[in-house]
Amino acid sequence: MRGALHARYWVIPPFSNKRKDFAKVWAFDLENSVISIGFTELPNVSHLSEKQLRQLIERRLRQQSTYTKNYFFRSLWNFYHSIKRGDVIVACEGRKKILAIGRVRHSGYYEYNKNPDAQGEAGPYSNHLGVRWRLFNKSFDDLKFSRLAIDQISEEDFQKLTRGRGASRKADPEAVSIEAQIVDSPQHKQLDYKYRSKAAIRKAEKVEERLLIDFRKWLRRQERTLEAAKFGSLRCDGYERKRRMLIEAKSSVSREHIRMAVGQLLDYGFQIRKNLGKSHMAILLPRKPDPSSVAWLPILNISLIWRENGAFFDNANGKMCGHMQTRHRLGP
């Protein structure tokens, strides 16, 4: 992994800001800690050598100009071979606005149609980077960014672009604060995030209620009961008295949602410890998260439960989900 002192800096727009689906694509990127590029005229090129990539582009784009062919090559080669873990990505909207800054946590990989809303003229955006995002909304009066899909900039240029935000003169992508707001959900009185930008507010999709219903059904088949528990003014999503299992559900596997769940669990666990004893804490998620975003949880004795293909799994050797996790699937 390239260290922070040797990081490179790259500007990548998540989608065309002139497309009506831009907000949906960017909301997906935030929630799933990714950024993607198109070049949909080509198949998976992640495994190709420099020579093979040039030959493929020459065959597929034989009617295009030399400039276009070189542009395709430079962009895809940089994406898969030059951008490394630890590098810094500036996500821009158009040529005058920064949306977020992120640190690359997963180098380039190909996954077809990962984001259904990110569609190019010849197919879906399927080239992805794993990026830990920090919202960093900043607009400029004049043009700051090129029209390129990927543009490398110097550290000096990065500091000029980000000056005036954060706690110090030098912008640290790990320390940029998330501009998030906790709001009441209109569906039921829980807390969720709104990601706020100058142009729009995108509210993360809420799936906790369905997730909890399905998990309760899963436990009920094992003659176990998960209750909603209230501790003074606090209300946690689920508590199993017999096993002293304390559950907090989240609608997203994003780092921000996981951090919120950790804080809530630690608070709940502290409040009930005197009367009910020490609890076994777990976060209930709609799918398995990226290992890099949850590697710190075992230190806090917090487990994970996630849904996968209609079943529930955990990282505690089945202690949270029970024996059914390898034998049964949830029904409709």
C-alpha atoms as a PDB file:
ATOM      1  CA  MET A   1       0.000   0.000   0.000  1.00  0.00           C
ATOM      2  CA  ARG A   2       1.352   3.367  -0.963  1.00  0.00           C
ATOM      3  CA  GLY A   3       1.904   5.500   2.125  1.00  0.00           C
ATOM      4  CA  ALA A   4       0.172   8.847   2.608  1.00  0.00           C
ATOM      5  CA  LEU A   5       3.479  10.682   2.085  1.00  0.00           C
ATOM      6  CA  HIS A   6       3.800   9.118  -1.369  1.00  0.00           C
ATOM      7  CA  ALA A   7       0.170   9.271  -2.418  1.00  0.00           C
ATOM      8  CA  ARG A   8      -0.831  10.489  -5.831  1.00  0.00           C
ATOM      9  CA  TYR A   9      -3.823  12.737  -6.391  1.00  0.00           C
ATOM     10  CA  TRP A  10      -6.491  12.112  -9.001  1.00  0.00           C
ATOM     11  CA  VAL A  11      -9.630  13.949 -10.097  1.00  0.00           C
ATOM     12  CA  ILE A  12     -12.481  11.689 -11.225  1.00  0.00           C
ATOM     13  CA  PRO A  13     -16.099  12.741 -11.914  1.00  0.00           C
ATOM     14  CA  PRO A  14     -18.525  10.005 -10.786  1.00  0.00           C
ATOM     15  CA  PHE A  15     -20.828  10.583 -13.809  1.00  0.00           C
ATOM     16  CA  SER A  16     -21.730  13.253 -16.332  1.00  0.00           C
ATOM     17  CA  ASN A  17     -23.220  16.172 -14.404  1.00  0.00           C
ATOM     18  CA  LYS A  18     -25.479  16.806 -17.416  1.00  0.00           C
ATOM     19  CA  ARG A  19     -27.196  13.442 -17.004  1.00  0.00           C
ATOM     20  CA  LYS A  20     -30.429  13.339 -14.998  1.00  0.00           C
ATOM     21  CA  ASP A  21     -29.229  10.260 -13.078  1.00  0.00           C
ATOM     22  CA  PHE A  22     -26.147  12.011 -11.696  1.00  0.00           C
ATOM     23  CA  ALA A  23     -27.572  12.350  -8.163  1.00  0.00           C
ATOM     24  CA  LYS A  24     -28.567   8.666  -8.030  1.00  0.00           C
ATOM     25  CA  VAL A  25     -25.170   7.540  -9.247  1.00  0.00           C
ATOM     26  CA  TRP A  26     -23.350   9.706  -6.718  1.00  0.00           C
ATOM     27  CA  ALA A  27     -25.617   8.585  -3.857  1.00  0.00           C
ATOM     28  CA  PHE A  28     -24.767   4.968  -4.727  1.00  0.00           C
ATOM     29  CA  ASP A  29     -21.049   5.773  -4.762  1.00  0.00           C
ATOM     30  CA  LEU A  30     -21.280   7.356  -1.311  1.00  0.00           C
ATOM     31  CA  GLU A  31     -23.255   4.515   0.183  1.00  0.00           C
ATOM     32  CA  ASN A  32     -21.088   1.788  -1.313  1.00  0.00           C
ATOM     33  CA  SER A  33     -17.684   3.502  -1.057  1.00  0.00           C
ATOM     34  CA  VAL A  34     -16.867   3.310  -4.768  1.00  0.00           C
ATOM     35  CA  ILE A  35     -16.298   5.444  -7.832  1.00  0.00           C
ATOM     36  CA  SER A  36     -16.703   4.132 -11.364  1.00  0.00           C
ATOM     37  CA  ILE A  37     -15.753   5.032 -14.913  1.00  0.00           C
ATOM     38  CA  GLY A  38     -17.401   4.054 -18.179  1.00  0.00           C
ATOM     39  CA  PHE A  39     -15.535   3.286 -21.416  1.00  0.00           C
ATOM     40  CA  THR A  40     -18.467   0.967 -22.019  1.00  0.00           C
ATOM     41  CA  GLU A  41     -17.373   0.166 -25.573  1.00  0.00           C
ATOM     42  CA  LEU A  42     -14.789  -2.218 -24.077  1.00  0.00           C
ATOM     43  CA  PRO A  43     -15.121  -5.427 -22.035  1.00  0.00           C
ATOM     44  CA  ASN A  44     -13.163  -6.259 -18.889  1.00  0.00           C
ATOM     45  CA  VAL A  45      -9.621  -4.943 -19.435  1.00  0.00           C
ATOM     46  CA  SER A  46      -8.388  -5.199 -15.847  1.00  0.00           C
ATOM     47  CA  HIS A  47      -6.192  -8.220 -16.614  1.00  0.00           C
ATOM     48  CA  LEU A  48      -4.655  -6.984 -19.878  1.00  0.00           C
ATOM     49  CA  SER A  49      -1.031  -6.028 -20.400  1.00  0.00           C
ATOM     50  CA  GLU A  50      -0.143  -2.693 -21.971  1.00  0.00           C
ATOM     51  CA  LYS A  51       0.283  -4.310 -25.382  1.00  0.00           C
ATOM     52  CA  GLN A  52      -2.966  -6.277 -25.117  1.00  0.00           C
ATOM     53  CA  LEU A  53      -4.919  -3.176 -24.074  1.00  0.00           C
ATOM     54  CA  ARG A  54      -3.586  -1.166 -27.022  1.00  0.00           C
ATOM     55  CA  GLN A  55      -4.434  -3.977 -29.431  1.00  0.00           C
ATOM     56  CA  LEU A  56      -7.970  -4.327 -28.047  1.00  0.00           C
ATOM     57  CA  ILE A  57      -8.602  -0.588 -28.328  1.00  0.00           C
ATOM     58  CA  GLU A  58      -7.271  -0.597 -31.887  1.00  0.00           C
ATOM     59  CA  ARG A  59      -9.674  -3.392 -32.846  1.00  0.00           C
ATOM     60  CA  ARG A  60     -12.752  -2.074 -31.076  1.00  0.00           C
ATOM     61  CA  LEU A  61     -12.257   1.597 -31.948  1.00  0.00           C
ATOM     62  CA  ARG A  62     -10.801   1.273 -35.437  1.00  0.00           C
ATOM     63  CA  GLN A  63     -13.068   4.056 -36.724  1.00  0.00           C
ATOM     64  CA  GLN A  64     -12.060   6.478 -33.984  1.00  0.00           C
ATOM     65  CA  SER A  65      -9.285   9.071 -34.099  1.00  0.00           C
ATOM     66  CA  THR A  66      -5.806   8.451 -32.738  1.00  0.00           C
ATOM     67  CA  TYR A  67      -6.536  10.983 -29.987  1.00  0.00           C
ATOM     68  CA  THR A  68      -9.606   9.020 -28.867  1.00  0.00           C
ATOM     69  CA  LYS A  69      -7.731   5.723 -28.864  1.00  0.00           C
ATOM     70  CA  ASN A  70      -4.904   7.220 -26.817  1.00  0.00           C
ATOM     71  CA  TYR A  71      -7.437   8.771 -24.433  1.00  0.00           C
ATOM     72  CA  PHE A  72      -9.078   5.384 -23.840  1.00  0.00           C
ATOM     73  CA  PHE A  73      -5.698   3.758 -23.260  1.00  0.00           C
ATOM     74  CA  ARG A  74      -4.352   6.409 -20.857  1.00  0.00           C
ATOM     75  CA  SER A  75      -7.555   6.506 -18.827  1.00  0.00           C
ATOM     76  CA  LEU A  76      -7.941   2.745 -18.418  1.00  0.00           C
ATOM     77  CA  TRP A  77      -4.229   2.105 -17.860  1.00  0.00           C
ATOM     78  CA  ASN A  78      -4.114   4.748 -15.139  1.00  0.00           C
ATOM     79  CA  PHE A  79      -7.303   3.410 -13.567  1.00  0.00           C
ATOM     80  CA  TYR A  80      -6.074  -0.175 -13.296  1.00  0.00           C
ATOM     81  CA  HIS A  81      -2.304   0.239 -13.003  1.00  0.00           C
ATOM     82  CA  SER A  82      -1.346   3.745 -11.836  1.00  0.00           C
ATOM     83  CA  ILE A  83      -3.956   4.410  -9.124  1.00  0.00           C
ATOM     84  CA  LYS A  84      -2.940   2.498  -6.009  1.00  0.00           C
ATOM     85  CA  ARG A  85      -4.287   1.928  -2.515  1.00  0.00           C
ATOM     86  CA  GLY A  86      -3.600   5.004  -0.432  1.00  0.00           C
ATOM     87  CA  ASP A  87      -3.963   7.426  -3.339  1.00  0.00           C
ATOM     88  CA  VAL A  88      -6.383  10.339  -3.008  1.00  0.00           C
ATOM     89  CA  ILE A  89      -9.439  10.811  -5.237  1.00  0.00           C
ATOM     90  CA  VAL A  90     -11.186  14.147  -5.717  1.00  0.00           C
ATOM     91  CA  ALA A  91     -14.761  13.556  -6.896  1.00  0.00           C
ATOM     92  CA  CYS A  92     -15.974  16.525  -8.905  1.00  0.00           C
ATOM     93  CA  GLU A  93     -19.318  17.580 -10.330  1.00  0.00           C
ATOM     94  CA  GLY A  94     -18.735  19.334 -13.621  1.00  0.00           C
ATOM     95  CA  ARG A  95     -15.668  21.553 -13.781  1.00  0.00           C
ATOM     96  CA  LYS A  96     -16.342  23.936 -10.880  1.00  0.00           C
ATOM     97  CA  LYS A  97     -17.290  21.831  -7.878  1.00  0.00           C
ATOM     98  CA  ILE A  98     -15.742  19.319  -5.477  1.00  0.00           C
ATOM     99  CA  LEU A  99     -18.188  16.804  -4.041  1.00  0.00           C
ATOM    100  CA  ALA A 100     -15.903  14.694  -1.877  1.00  0.00           C
ATOM    101  CA  ILE A 101     -12.368  13.582  -1.199  1.00  0.00           C
ATOM    102  CA  GLY A 102     -11.507   9.953  -0.644  1.00  0.00           C
ATOM    103  CA  ARG A 103      -8.663   7.559   0.027  1.00  0.00           C
ATOM    104  CA  VAL A 104      -8.394   4.514  -2.272  1.00  0.00           C
ATOM    105  CA  ARG A 105      -8.959   1.329  -0.262  1.00  0.00           C
ATOM    106  CA  HIS A 106      -9.418  -1.127  -3.134  1.00  0.00           C
ATOM    107  CA  SER A 107      -7.526  -0.838  -6.410  1.00  0.00           C
ATOM    108  CA  GLY A 108      -9.325  -0.988  -9.751  1.00  0.00           C
ATOM    109  CA  TYR A 109     -11.602  -3.950 -10.413  1.00  0.00           C
ATOM    110  CA  TYR A 110     -14.266  -4.919 -12.941  1.00  0.00           C
ATOM    111  CA  GLU A 111     -17.834  -5.757 -11.911  1.00  0.00           C
ATOM    112  CA  TYR A 112     -20.515  -5.655 -14.561  1.00  0.00           C
ATOM    113  CA  ASN A 113     -23.531  -3.433 -13.806  1.00  0.00           C
ATOM    114  CA  LYS A 114     -22.600  -2.856 -10.149  1.00  0.00           C
ATOM    115  CA  ASN A 115     -24.607   0.390 -10.178  1.00  0.00           C
ATOM    116  CA  PRO A 116     -27.755   0.022 -12.326  1.00  0.00           C
ATOM    117  CA  ASP A 117     -28.120   3.820 -12.615  1.00  0.00           C
ATOM    118  CA  ALA A 118     -24.643   4.331 -14.093  1.00  0.00           C
ATOM    119  CA  GLN A 119     -25.262   3.565 -17.743  1.00  0.00           C
ATOM    120  CA  GLY A 120     -23.201   4.658 -20.745  1.00  0.00           C
ATOM    121  CA  GLU A 121     -24.107   4.631 -24.408  1.00  0.00           C
ATOM    122  CA  ALA A 122     -22.864   1.070 -24.899  1.00  0.00           C
ATOM    123  CA  GLY A 123     -23.590  -0.432 -21.472  1.00  0.00           C
ATOM    124  CA  PRO A 124     -23.112   0.011 -17.711  1.00  0.00           C
ATOM    125  CA  TYR A 125     -20.145   1.563 -15.929  1.00  0.00           C
ATOM    126  CA  SER A 126     -18.266  -1.531 -14.790  1.00  0.00           C
ATOM    127  CA  ASN A 127     -14.786  -0.275 -13.846  1.00  0.00           C
ATOM    128  CA  HIS A 128     -14.632   0.512 -10.131  1.00  0.00           C
ATOM    129  CA  LEU A 129     -12.355   1.729  -7.354  1.00  0.00           C
ATOM    130  CA  GLY A 130     -13.039   1.206  -3.647  1.00  0.00           C
ATOM    131  CA  VAL A 131     -12.842   4.628  -1.993  1.00  0.00           C
ATOM    132  CA  ARG A 132     -13.430   5.757   1.595  1.00  0.00           C
ATOM    133  CA  TRP A 133     -15.287   9.034   1.034  1.00  0.00           C
ATOM    134  CA  ARG A 134     -15.459  12.228   3.058  1.00  0.00           C
ATOM    135  CA  LEU A 135     -17.898  14.841   1.815  1.00  0.00           C
ATOM    136  CA  PHE A 136     -16.103  18.049   0.942  1.00  0.00           C
ATOM    137  CA  ASN A 137     -18.491  20.345  -0.883  1.00  0.00           C
ATOM    138  CA  LYS A 138     -16.742  23.317  -2.400  1.00  0.00           C
ATOM    139  CA  SER A 139     -17.655  25.377  -5.469  1.00  0.00           C
ATOM    140  CA  PHE A 140     -15.502  27.688  -7.559  1.00  0.00           C
ATOM    141  CA  ASP A 141     -16.300  30.689  -9.725  1.00  0.00           C
ATOM    142  CA  ASP A 142     -13.995  29.633 -12.538  1.00  0.00           C
ATOM    143  CA  LEU A 143     -13.161  26.309 -14.183  1.00  0.00           C
ATOM    144  CA  LYS A 144     -10.879  24.114 -12.084  1.00  0.00           C
ATOM    145  CA  PHE A 145     -11.194  20.663 -13.628  1.00  0.00           C
ATOM    146  CA  SER A 146     -10.611  19.206 -17.075  1.00  0.00           C
ATOM    147  CA  ARG A 147     -13.089  17.186 -19.105  1.00  0.00           C
ATOM    148  CA  LEU A 148     -11.001  14.046 -18.617  1.00  0.00           C
ATOM    149  CA  ALA A 149     -12.424  10.933 -16.971  1.00  0.00           C
ATOM    150  CA  ILE A 150      -9.238  10.689 -14.900  1.00  0.00           C
ATOM    151  CA  ASP A 151      -6.844  13.550 -14.327  1.00  0.00           C
ATOM    152  CA  GLN A 152      -3.743  13.388 -12.155  1.00  0.00           C
ATOM    153  CA  ILE A 153      -2.894  16.553 -10.216  1.00  0.00           C
ATOM    154  CA  SER A 154       0.024  17.502  -8.006  1.00  0.00           C
ATOM    155  CA  GLU A 155      -0.135  17.661  -4.216  1.00  0.00           C
ATOM    156  CA  GLU A 156       0.327  21.415  -4.514  1.00  0.00           C
ATOM    157  CA  ASP A 157      -2.712  21.695  -6.772  1.00  0.00           C
ATOM    158  CA  PHE A 158      -4.674  19.473  -4.405  1.00  0.00           C
ATOM    159  CA  GLN A 159      -3.881  21.752  -1.476  1.00  0.00           C
ATOM    160  CA  LYS A 160      -4.875  24.825  -3.475  1.00  0.00           C
ATOM    161  CA  LEU A 161      -8.184  23.247  -4.427  1.00  0.00           C
ATOM    162  CA  THR A 162      -9.021  22.199  -0.864  1.00  0.00           C
ATOM    163  CA  ARG A 163      -7.684  25.210   1.013  1.00  0.00           C
ATOM    164  CA  GLY A 164     -10.220  26.817   3.312  1.00  0.00           C
ATOM    165  CA  ARG A 165     -11.900  23.594   4.376  1.00  0.00           C
ATOM    166  CA  GLY A 166     -11.047  21.280   7.272  1.00  0.00           C
ATOM    167  CA  ALA A 167      -9.201  21.977  10.499  1.00  0.00           C
ATOM    168  CA  SER A 168      -5.817  22.933   9.078  1.00  0.00           C
ATOM    169  CA  ARG A 169      -4.257  24.641   6.122  1.00  0.00           C
ATOM    170  CA  LYS A 170      -3.427  21.301   4.554  1.00  0.00           C
ATOM    171  CA  ALA A 171      -6.405  19.156   3.655  1.00  0.00           C
ATOM    172  CA  ASP A 172      -6.177  15.583   4.940  1.00  0.00           C
ATOM    173  CA  PRO A 173      -8.619  13.270   3.133  1.00  0.00           C
ATOM    174  CA  GLU A 174      -8.864  11.128   6.268  1.00  0.00           C
ATOM    175  CA  ALA A 175      -9.815  14.111   8.428  1.00  0.00           C
ATOM    176  CA  VAL A 176     -12.289  15.948   6.210  1.00  0.00           C
ATOM    177  CA  SER A 177     -15.533  16.123   8.117  1.00  0.00           C
ATOM    178  CA  ILE A 178     -18.681  14.521   6.783  1.00  0.00           C
ATOM    179  CA  GLU A 179     -21.404  17.033   6.251  1.00  0.00           C
ATOM    180  CA  ALA A 180     -24.195  14.810   7.497  1.00  0.00           C
ATOM    181  CA  GLN A 181     -27.459  15.529   9.245  1.00  0.00           C
ATOM    182  CA  ILE A 182     -29.381  13.187  11.542  1.00  0.00           C
ATOM    183  CA  VAL A 183     -33.083  13.331  10.782  1.00  0.00           C
ATOM    184  CA  ASP A 184     -36.311  11.633  11.756  1.00  0.00           C
ATOM    185  CA  SER A 185     -37.547   9.145   9.196  1.00  0.00           C
ATOM    186  CA  PRO A 186     -41.151   9.762   8.095  1.00  0.00           C
ATOM    187  CA  GLN A 187     -41.790   6.014   7.968  1.00  0.00           C
ATOM    188  CA  HIS A 188     -41.010   5.283  11.616  1.00  0.00           C
ATOM    189  CA  LYS A 189     -39.226   7.100  14.393  1.00  0.00           C
ATOM    190  CA  GLN A 190     -35.681   6.041  13.837  1.00  0.00           C
ATOM    191  CA  LEU A 191     -32.546   7.924  12.948  1.00  0.00           C
ATOM    192  CA  ASP A 192     -30.938   7.978   9.545  1.00  0.00           C
ATOM    193  CA  TYR A 193     -28.514  10.041   7.493  1.00  0.00           C
ATOM    194  CA  LYS A 194     -29.011  12.736   4.956  1.00  0.00           C
ATOM    195  CA  TYR A 195     -26.024  13.509   2.799  1.00  0.00           C
ATOM    196  CA  ARG A 196     -26.190  17.219   2.168  1.00  0.00           C
ATOM    197  CA  SER A 197     -24.751  19.013  -0.832  1.00  0.00           C
ATOM    198  CA  LYS A 198     -25.322  22.537  -2.072  1.00  0.00           C
ATOM    199  CA  ALA A 199     -27.372  21.280  -4.998  1.00  0.00           C
ATOM    200  CA  ALA A 200     -29.474  18.619  -3.294  1.00  0.00           C
ATOM    201  CA  ILE A 201     -29.951  16.430  -0.250  1.00  0.00           C
ATOM    202  CA  ARG A 202     -29.844  12.727  -0.824  1.00  0.00           C
ATOM    203  CA  LYS A 203     -31.382  10.632   1.898  1.00  0.00           C
ATOM    204  CA  ALA A 204     -30.024   7.111   2.312  1.00  0.00           C
ATOM    205  CA  GLU A 205     -32.600   4.393   1.619  1.00  0.00           C
ATOM    206  CA  LYS A 206     -34.099   3.004   4.759  1.00  0.00           C
ATOM    207  CA  VAL A 207     -34.381  -0.770   5.010  1.00  0.00           C
ATOM    208  CA  GLU A 208     -34.010  -1.423   8.755  1.00  0.00           C
ATOM    209  CA  GLU A 209     -37.655  -2.268   9.310  1.00  0.00           C
ATOM    210  CA  ARG A 210     -37.751  -5.011   6.677  1.00  0.00           C
ATOM    211  CA  LEU A 211     -34.344  -6.249   7.801  1.00  0.00           C
ATOM    212  CA  LEU A 212     -35.475  -6.540  11.415  1.00  0.00           C
ATOM    213  CA  ILE A 213     -38.719  -8.289  10.477  1.00  0.00           C
ATOM    214  CA  ASP A 214     -36.817 -10.887   8.475  1.00  0.00           C
ATOM    215  CA  PHE A 215     -34.226 -11.393  11.209  1.00  0.00           C
ATOM    216  CA  ARG A 216     -36.957 -11.832  13.833  1.00  0.00           C
ATOM    217  CA  LYS A 217     -38.554 -14.508  11.609  1.00  0.00           C
ATOM    218  CA  TRP A 218     -35.154 -16.163  11.264  1.00  0.00           C
ATOM    219  CA  LEU A 219     -34.719 -16.344  15.040  1.00  0.00           C
ATOM    220  CA  ARG A 220     -38.334 -17.337  15.661  1.00  0.00           C
ATOM    221  CA  ARG A 221     -37.769 -20.511  13.631  1.00  0.00           C
ATOM    222  CA  GLN A 222     -35.149 -21.365  16.240  1.00  0.00           C
ATOM    223  CA  GLU A 223     -37.631 -20.609  19.054  1.00  0.00           C
ATOM    224  CA  ARG A 224     -35.776 -17.418  19.862  1.00  0.00           C
ATOM    225  CA  THR A 225     -37.336 -13.997  20.433  1.00  0.00           C
ATOM    226  CA  LEU A 226     -35.929 -10.631  19.444  1.00  0.00           C
ATOM    227  CA  GLU A 227     -37.683  -7.715  21.119  1.00  0.00           C
ATOM    228  CA  ALA A 228     -37.434  -3.978  20.686  1.00  0.00           C
ATOM    229  CA  ALA A 229     -35.933  -2.667  23.913  1.00  0.00           C
ATOM    230  CA  LYS A 230     -36.254   0.716  25.569  1.00  0.00           C
ATOM    231  CA  PHE A 231     -33.786   2.008  28.126  1.00  0.00           C
ATOM    232  CA  GLY A 232     -34.987   5.291  29.557  1.00  0.00           C
ATOM    233  CA  SER A 233     -35.255   7.637  26.602  1.00  0.00           C
ATOM    234  CA  LEU A 234     -33.187   5.308  24.403  1.00  0.00           C
ATOM    235  CA  ARG A 235     -34.672   2.651  22.142  1.00  0.00           C
ATOM    236  CA  CYS A 236     -32.593  -0.063  20.552  1.00  0.00           C
ATOM    237  CA  ASP A 237     -33.678  -2.110  17.543  1.00  0.00           C
ATOM    238  CA  GLY A 238     -33.463  -5.528  19.117  1.00  0.00           C
ATOM    239  CA  TYR A 239     -32.652  -7.344  22.342  1.00  0.00           C
ATOM    240  CA  GLU A 240     -32.738 -11.085  23.017  1.00  0.00           C
ATOM    241  CA  ARG A 241     -33.059 -11.526  26.761  1.00  0.00           C
ATOM    242  CA  LYS A 242     -32.022 -15.173  26.975  1.00  0.00           C
ATOM    243  CA  ARG A 243     -28.701 -14.585  25.238  1.00  0.00           C
ATOM    244  CA  ARG A 244     -28.361 -10.911  26.206  1.00  0.00           C
ATOM    245  CA  MET A 245     -27.862 -10.064  22.551  1.00  0.00           C
ATOM    246  CA  LEU A 246     -28.115  -6.368  21.697  1.00  0.00           C
ATOM    247  CA  ILE A 247     -28.768  -5.544  18.034  1.00  0.00           C
ATOM    248  CA  GLU A 248     -28.622  -2.287  16.097  1.00  0.00           C
ATOM    249  CA  ALA A 249     -29.787  -2.427  12.456  1.00  0.00           C
ATOM    250  CA  LYS A 250     -28.539  -0.149   9.696  1.00  0.00           C
ATOM    251  CA  SER A 251     -29.761   0.367   6.148  1.00  0.00           C
ATOM    252  CA  SER A 252     -26.289   0.657   4.657  1.00  0.00           C
ATOM    253  CA  VAL A 253     -22.853  -0.927   4.955  1.00  0.00           C
ATOM    254  CA  SER A 254     -21.154   2.459   4.646  1.00  0.00           C
ATOM    255  CA  ARG A 255     -18.548   3.395   7.225  1.00  0.00           C
ATOM    256  CA  GLU A 256     -20.698   6.293   8.459  1.00  0.00           C
ATOM    257  CA  HIS A 257     -23.663   4.014   9.211  1.00  0.00           C
ATOM    258  CA  ILE A 258     -21.408   1.489  10.941  1.00  0.00           C
ATOM    259  CA  ARG A 259     -19.891   4.237  13.098  1.00  0.00           C
ATOM    260  CA  MET A 260     -23.367   5.403  14.062  1.00  0.00           C
ATOM    261  CA  ALA A 261     -24.337   1.850  15.041  1.00  0.00           C
ATOM    262  CA  VAL A 262     -21.197   1.440  17.162  1.00  0.00           C
ATOM    263  CA  GLY A 263     -21.942   4.599  19.116  1.00  0.00           C
ATOM    264  CA  GLN A 264     -25.534   3.542  19.717  1.00  0.00           C
ATOM    265  CA  LEU A 265     -24.566   0.036  20.836  1.00  0.00           C
ATOM    266  CA  LEU A 266     -21.932   1.293  23.260  1.00  0.00           C
ATOM    267  CA  ASP A 267     -24.437   3.725  24.748  1.00  0.00           C
ATOM    268  CA  TYR A 268     -27.187   1.081  25.040  1.00  0.00           C
ATOM    269  CA  GLY A 269     -24.764  -1.471  26.482  1.00  0.00           C
ATOM    270  CA  PHE A 270     -23.608   0.962  29.147  1.00  0.00           C
ATOM    271  CA  GLN A 271     -27.178   1.896  30.121  1.00  0.00           C
ATOM    272  CA  ILE A 272     -28.429  -1.663  30.583  1.00  0.00           C
ATOM    273  CA  ARG A 273     -25.332  -3.250  32.087  1.00  0.00           C
ATOM    274  CA  LYS A 274     -26.295  -2.487  35.687  1.00  0.00           C
ATOM    275  CA  ASN A 275     -29.690  -4.197  35.453  1.00  0.00           C
ATOM    276  CA  LEU A 276     -29.210  -6.864  32.763  1.00  0.00           C
ATOM    277  CA  GLY A 277     -25.500  -7.521  32.741  1.00  0.00           C
ATOM    278  CA  LYS A 278     -22.984  -7.251  29.939  1.00  0.00           C
ATOM    279  CA  SER A 279     -24.490  -7.615  26.466  1.00  0.00           C
ATOM    280  CA  HIS A 280     -23.249  -9.296  23.325  1.00  0.00           C
ATOM    281  CA  MET A 281     -23.443  -6.516  20.747  1.00  0.00           C
ATOM    282  CA  ALA A 282     -23.918  -6.856  16.992  1.00  0.00           C
ATOM    283  CA  ILE A 283     -24.710  -4.681  13.993  1.00  0.00           C
ATOM    284  CA  LEU A 284     -27.353  -6.021  11.593  1.00  0.00           C
ATOM    285  CA  LEU A 285     -26.648  -5.097   7.955  1.00  0.00           C
ATOM    286  CA  PRO A 286     -28.383  -5.692   4.619  1.00  0.00           C
ATOM    287  CA  ARG A 287     -25.281  -7.345   3.142  1.00  0.00           C
ATOM    288  CA  LYS A 288     -21.719  -8.270   4.005  1.00  0.00           C
ATOM    289  CA  PRO A 289     -19.574  -5.139   4.364  1.00  0.00           C
ATOM    290  CA  ASP A 290     -16.115  -4.438   3.010  1.00  0.00           C
ATOM    291  CA  PRO A 291     -13.658  -5.996   5.511  1.00  0.00           C
ATOM    292  CA  SER A 292     -11.568  -2.819   5.585  1.00  0.00           C
ATOM    293  CA  SER A 293     -14.467  -0.799   7.007  1.00  0.00           C
ATOM    294  CA  VAL A 294     -15.161  -3.164   9.928  1.00  0.00           C
ATOM    295  CA  ALA A 295     -11.715  -4.540  10.836  1.00  0.00           C
ATOM    296  CA  TRP A 296     -11.700  -2.421  14.009  1.00  0.00           C
ATOM    297  CA  LEU A 297     -14.934  -3.816  15.493  1.00  0.00           C
ATOM    298  CA  PRO A 298     -13.513  -6.929  17.223  1.00  0.00           C
ATOM    299  CA  ILE A 299     -11.491  -4.649  19.495  1.00  0.00           C
ATOM    300  CA  LEU A 300     -14.831  -3.353  20.819  1.00  0.00           C
ATOM    301  CA  ASN A 301     -16.346  -6.866  21.010  1.00  0.00           C
ATOM    302  CA  ILE A 302     -18.959  -5.925  18.435  1.00  0.00           C
ATOM    303  CA  SER A 303     -20.023  -8.601  15.954  1.00  0.00           C
ATOM    304  CA  LEU A 304     -21.646  -8.357  12.536  1.00  0.00           C
ATOM    305  CA  ILE A 305     -24.783  -9.972  11.166  1.00  0.00           C
ATOM    306  CA  TRP A 306     -25.678  -9.673   7.504  1.00  0.00           C
ATOM    307  CA  ARG A 307     -28.224 -10.980   5.038  1.00  0.00           C
ATOM    308  CA  GLU A 308     -27.062 -12.992   2.049  1.00  0.00           C
ATOM    309  CA  ASN A 309     -29.259 -14.827  -0.472  1.00  0.00           C
ATOM    310  CA  GLY A 310     -32.189 -14.902   1.936  1.00  0.00           C
ATOM    311  CA  ALA A 311     -30.180 -16.205   4.889  1.00  0.00           C
ATOM    312  CA  PHE A 312     -28.441 -14.533   7.829  1.00  0.00           C
ATOM    313  CA  PHE A 313     -24.774 -14.984   8.654  1.00  0.00           C
ATOM    314  CA  ASP A 314     -22.454 -13.627  11.317  1.00  0.00           C
ATOM    315  CA  ASN A 315     -18.745 -13.368  12.016  1.00  0.00           C
ATOM    316  CA  ALA A 316     -19.108 -14.943  15.469  1.00  0.00           C
ATOM    317  CA  ASN A 317     -19.170 -18.619  14.433  1.00  0.00           C
ATOM    318  CA  GLY A 318     -22.953 -18.658  14.297  1.00  0.00           C
ATOM    319  CA  LYS A 319     -23.446 -17.451  17.879  1.00  0.00           C
ATOM    320  CA  MET A 320     -25.670 -14.583  16.756  1.00  0.00           C
ATOM    321  CA  CYS A 321     -27.617 -16.287  13.963  1.00  0.00           C
ATOM    322  CA  GLY A 322     -27.717 -19.821  15.283  1.00  0.00           C
ATOM    323  CA  HIS A 323     -27.435 -23.202  13.616  1.00  0.00           C
ATOM    324  CA  MET A 324     -29.953 -22.365  10.893  1.00  0.00           C
ATOM    325  CA  GLN A 325     -27.585 -20.158   8.970  1.00  0.00           C
ATOM    326  CA  THR A 326     -26.069 -23.097   7.106  1.00  0.00           C
ATOM    327  CA  ARG A 327     -29.269 -25.094   6.578  1.00  0.00           C
ATOM    328  CA  HIS A 328     -32.171 -22.814   5.812  1.00  0.00           C
ATOM    329  CA  ARG A 329     -33.235 -19.840   3.751  1.00  0.00           C
ATOM    330  CA  LEU A 330     -35.867 -17.290   4.553  1.00  0.00           C
ATOM    331  CA  GLY A 331     -39.116 -17.710   2.699  1.00  0.00           C
ATOM    332  CA  PRO A 332     -40.843 -14.899   0.810  1.00  0.00           C
END
